[in-house]
């Protein structure tokens, strides 16, 4: 088993199951400490190479994922990998797309879809999920 994140680490969201996922903005430096074992990168173009396993989900800034089935699969992958690894979800700023993805992952982990945005804003970042359509996407996300 890989040591996971610590719950008090910067950007780490504790899901109801106890799994930890780190959200961050790629425009900021990589935080000090252990590197991820897996990253999901939510960008309009492919991310730079990493030394850890990674997956790119095409998702332009302030929009929704280009392929919603691929997004749902990626979120399930993140949740599964968070059980025994250091998983991060990141976009440019770490709030809109990252917050939206974290809210969908929370739905998969048992948070009711109608409460997921508030959950992420309370436990990750108060300005997470930036647009009305991102919020609506979460509220309709099938858990």
Protein backbone atom coordinates (compact mmCIF):
# COMPACT_ATOMS: atom_id res chain seq x y z
CA UNK A 1 0.00 0.00 0.00
CA UNK A 2 1.19 3.51 -0.81
CA UNK A 3 1.09 6.12 1.91
CA UNK A 4 -1.72 8.51 1.05
CA UNK A 5 -2.06 12.21 1.65
CA UNK A 6 -2.56 13.50 5.16
CA UNK A 7 -6.01 15.00 5.80
CA UNK A 8 -4.53 18.35 6.81
CA UNK A 9 -2.36 18.73 3.70
CA UNK A 10 -3.09 21.72 1.48
CA UNK A 11 -5.92 21.03 -0.97
CA UNK A 12 -6.80 17.58 0.35
CA UNK A 13 -10.47 16.65 0.40
CA UNK A 14 -11.62 13.86 2.72
CA UNK A 15 -14.52 12.00 1.15
CA UNK A 16 -17.23 10.38 3.28
CA UNK A 17 -15.53 6.98 2.84
CA UNK A 18 -12.33 8.41 4.32
CA UNK A 19 -10.50 8.38 0.99
CA UNK A 20 -8.37 11.46 0.36
CA UNK A 21 -8.04 13.30 -2.96
CA UNK A 22 -5.92 16.38 -3.48
CA UNK A 23 -7.17 19.20 -5.65
CA UNK A 24 -4.80 21.85 -6.97
CA UNK A 25 -4.14 24.45 -9.59
CA UNK A 26 -1.45 23.66 -12.13
CA UNK A 27 -0.49 27.34 -12.43
CA UNK A 28 0.93 27.10 -8.91
CA UNK A 29 4.10 25.21 -7.99
CA UNK A 30 3.84 21.55 -7.03
CA UNK A 31 3.27 21.44 -3.25
CA UNK A 32 6.10 20.24 -1.04
CA UNK A 33 5.96 16.64 0.11
CA UNK A 34 5.27 13.37 -1.64
CA UNK A 35 4.30 13.46 -5.29
CA UNK A 36 1.06 11.93 -6.52
CA UNK A 37 0.87 8.31 -7.60
CA UNK A 38 -1.84 9.34 -10.08
CA UNK A 39 -3.20 12.60 -11.44
CA UNK A 40 -6.33 13.51 -13.37
CA UNK A 41 -5.75 16.69 -15.36
CA UNK A 42 -8.72 18.72 -16.55
CA UNK A 43 -7.48 20.94 -19.36
CA UNK A 44 -8.40 22.10 -22.83
CA UNK A 45 -5.12 20.71 -24.18
CA UNK A 46 -2.87 17.83 -23.08
CA UNK A 47 -0.95 18.48 -19.84
CA UNK A 48 2.82 18.41 -19.53
CA UNK A 49 4.37 14.99 -18.83
CA UNK A 50 4.59 13.89 -15.19
CA UNK A 51 6.76 11.37 -13.41
CA UNK A 52 3.61 9.65 -12.12
CA UNK A 53 0.72 7.97 -13.90
CA UNK A 54 -1.73 10.49 -15.28
CA UNK A 55 -4.90 10.83 -17.28
CA UNK A 56 -6.04 13.82 -19.32
CA UNK A 57 -9.69 14.75 -19.51
CA UNK A 58 -10.36 17.34 -22.22
CA UNK A 59 -12.19 20.10 -20.37
CA UNK A 60 -11.87 23.73 -21.51
CA UNK A 61 -11.74 26.45 -18.83
CA UNK A 62 -15.14 27.58 -17.47
CA UNK A 63 -16.89 24.83 -19.45
CA UNK A 64 -17.92 21.21 -18.96
CA UNK A 65 -16.07 18.04 -19.94
CA UNK A 66 -15.94 17.45 -23.69
CA UNK A 67 -16.96 13.80 -23.23
CA UNK A 68 -19.26 13.19 -20.27
CA UNK A 69 -18.95 9.39 -20.41
CA UNK A 70 -15.14 9.70 -20.32
CA UNK A 71 -15.48 12.14 -17.40
CA UNK A 72 -17.65 9.73 -15.40
CA UNK A 73 -15.14 6.94 -16.08
CA UNK A 74 -12.25 9.19 -15.01
CA UNK A 75 -14.04 10.14 -11.78
CA UNK A 76 -14.66 6.46 -10.96
CA UNK A 77 -10.97 5.80 -11.67
CA UNK A 78 -9.92 8.57 -9.27
CA UNK A 79 -12.17 7.22 -6.53
CA UNK A 80 -10.82 3.68 -6.94
CA UNK A 81 -7.19 4.81 -6.99
CA UNK A 82 -7.68 7.04 -3.94
CA UNK A 83 -8.19 3.89 -1.87
CA UNK A 84 -4.48 3.11 -1.82
CA UNK A 85 -2.61 5.96 -3.47
CA UNK A 86 -1.95 9.68 -3.57
CA UNK A 87 -4.38 10.92 -6.19
CA UNK A 88 -4.74 14.49 -7.34
CA UNK A 89 -7.25 16.27 -9.55
CA UNK A 90 -6.08 19.49 -11.11
CA UNK A 91 -6.93 22.20 -13.63
CA UNK A 92 -5.33 25.57 -14.28
CA UNK A 93 -6.58 27.41 -11.20
CA UNK A 94 -7.77 24.53 -9.05
CA UNK A 95 -11.29 25.83 -8.42
CA UNK A 96 -13.86 25.53 -11.24
CA UNK A 97 -13.09 22.34 -13.12
CA UNK A 98 -11.28 20.78 -10.16
CA UNK A 99 -14.11 21.64 -7.76
CA UNK A 100 -16.68 20.30 -10.22
CA UNK A 101 -14.77 17.03 -10.60
CA UNK A 102 -14.30 16.70 -6.82
CA UNK A 103 -18.04 17.26 -6.33
CA UNK A 104 -18.83 14.50 -8.85
CA UNK A 105 -16.35 12.19 -7.12
CA UNK A 106 -18.08 13.00 -3.82
CA UNK A 107 -21.40 11.97 -5.41
CA UNK A 108 -19.84 8.65 -6.40
CA UNK A 109 -18.68 8.30 -2.78
CA UNK A 110 -22.18 8.79 -1.41
CA UNK A 111 -22.79 12.54 -1.09
CA UNK A 112 -26.24 13.37 -2.51
CA UNK A 113 -25.85 15.26 -5.80
CA UNK A 114 -27.92 18.16 -4.47
CA UNK A 115 -25.43 18.59 -1.60
CA UNK A 116 -22.14 17.88 -3.38
CA UNK A 117 -21.23 21.46 -4.34
CA UNK A 118 -21.78 22.65 -0.76
CA UNK A 119 -19.73 19.69 0.52
CA UNK A 120 -16.78 20.58 -1.71
CA UNK A 121 -17.04 24.29 -0.92
CA UNK A 122 -17.05 23.51 2.80
CA UNK A 123 -14.24 20.94 2.78
CA UNK A 124 -12.03 21.93 -0.18
CA UNK A 125 -12.42 25.55 -1.34
CA UNK A 126 -15.18 28.09 -0.74
CA UNK A 127 -15.12 29.23 -4.39
CA UNK A 128 -15.06 25.76 -5.94
CA UNK A 129 -17.46 25.07 -8.83
CA UNK A 130 -17.40 28.46 -10.52
CA UNK A 131 -20.21 28.55 -13.07
CA UNK A 132 -23.96 27.89 -12.98
CA UNK A 133 -23.59 25.14 -15.62
CA UNK A 134 -20.85 23.43 -13.57
CA UNK A 135 -23.16 23.48 -10.55
CA UNK A 136 -26.03 22.10 -12.65
CA UNK A 137 -23.72 19.37 -14.04
CA UNK A 138 -22.97 18.22 -10.49
CA UNK A 139 -26.63 18.33 -9.44
CA UNK A 140 -27.48 16.02 -12.36
CA UNK A 141 -24.44 13.78 -12.06
CA UNK A 142 -25.51 10.13 -11.72
CA UNK A 143 -24.05 8.59 -8.60
